[in-house]
Protein backbone atom coordinates (compact mmCIF):
# COMPACT_ATOMS: atom_id res chain seq x y z
CA UNK A 1 19.79 -12.01 -6.58
CA UNK A 2 17.18 -10.88 -4.64
CA UNK A 3 16.90 -9.89 -0.86
CA UNK A 4 13.70 -8.21 -0.44
CA UNK A 5 12.60 -8.06 3.12
CA UNK A 6 15.14 -8.37 5.69
CA UNK A 7 14.24 -8.81 9.08
CA UNK A 8 13.53 -10.92 12.05
CA UNK A 9 10.87 -13.31 12.69
CA UNK A 10 7.94 -11.81 13.68
CA UNK A 11 8.27 -8.91 11.33
CA UNK A 12 8.21 -11.82 8.71
CA UNK A 13 5.52 -13.39 10.49
CA UNK A 14 3.63 -10.14 10.93
CA UNK A 15 3.96 -9.16 6.98
CA UNK A 16 2.85 -13.27 5.76
CA UNK A 17 -0.63 -12.37 8.66
CA UNK A 18 -1.14 -8.66 5.99
CA UNK A 19 -0.88 -10.50 3.81
CA UNK A 20 -3.47 -12.77 4.32
CA UNK A 21 -5.90 -10.82 5.80
CA UNK A 22 -5.12 -8.00 2.30
CA UNK A 23 -5.68 -11.82 -0.23
CA UNK A 24 -9.42 -12.28 2.27
CA UNK A 25 -10.75 -9.13 1.93
CA UNK A 26 -9.17 -7.48 -1.31
CA UNK A 27 -8.72 -11.03 -3.38
CA UNK A 28 -5.22 -8.83 -3.92
CA UNK A 29 -2.04 -8.08 -1.84
CA UNK A 30 0.75 -6.17 -1.78
CA UNK A 31 2.86 -8.30 -0.20
CA UNK A 32 4.48 -11.11 -2.18
CA UNK A 33 6.23 -13.58 -1.24
CA UNK A 34 8.17 -15.56 -5.02
CA UNK A 35 10.67 -17.72 -4.01
CA UNK A 36 10.77 -17.76 -1.21
CA UNK A 37 11.36 -14.06 -1.02
CA UNK A 38 9.29 -11.57 1.10
CA UNK A 39 9.01 -8.18 0.31
CA UNK A 40 6.31 -4.95 -0.47
CA UNK A 41 5.40 -3.54 -4.14
CA UNK A 42 5.36 0.06 -2.63
CA UNK A 43 3.69 2.14 -1.26
CA UNK A 44 -0.68 1.75 -2.07
CA UNK A 45 -4.28 3.23 -2.06
CA UNK A 46 -7.35 1.57 -2.52
CA UNK A 47 -10.63 2.51 -4.63
CA UNK A 48 -13.24 0.83 -5.53
CA UNK A 49 -12.23 -1.72 -3.13
CA UNK A 50 -9.13 -2.98 -5.71
CA UNK A 51 -5.20 -2.08 -4.78
CA UNK A 52 -4.35 0.51 -6.57
CA UNK A 53 -0.16 0.80 -6.64
CA UNK A 54 0.97 4.97 -5.75
CA UNK A 55 3.73 6.25 -8.12
């Protein structure tokens, strides 16, 4: 079972809005929603208009 981000309803709404802004501005987002699980890919950086995951 996957857990994702656990929090209150307003936090989930904030993350969904953040996801939409990333998609509108950069066409991709570090916030994901898979099978009703909301999560983040981890630390990111924006390079040349694209998102890169920092490892």
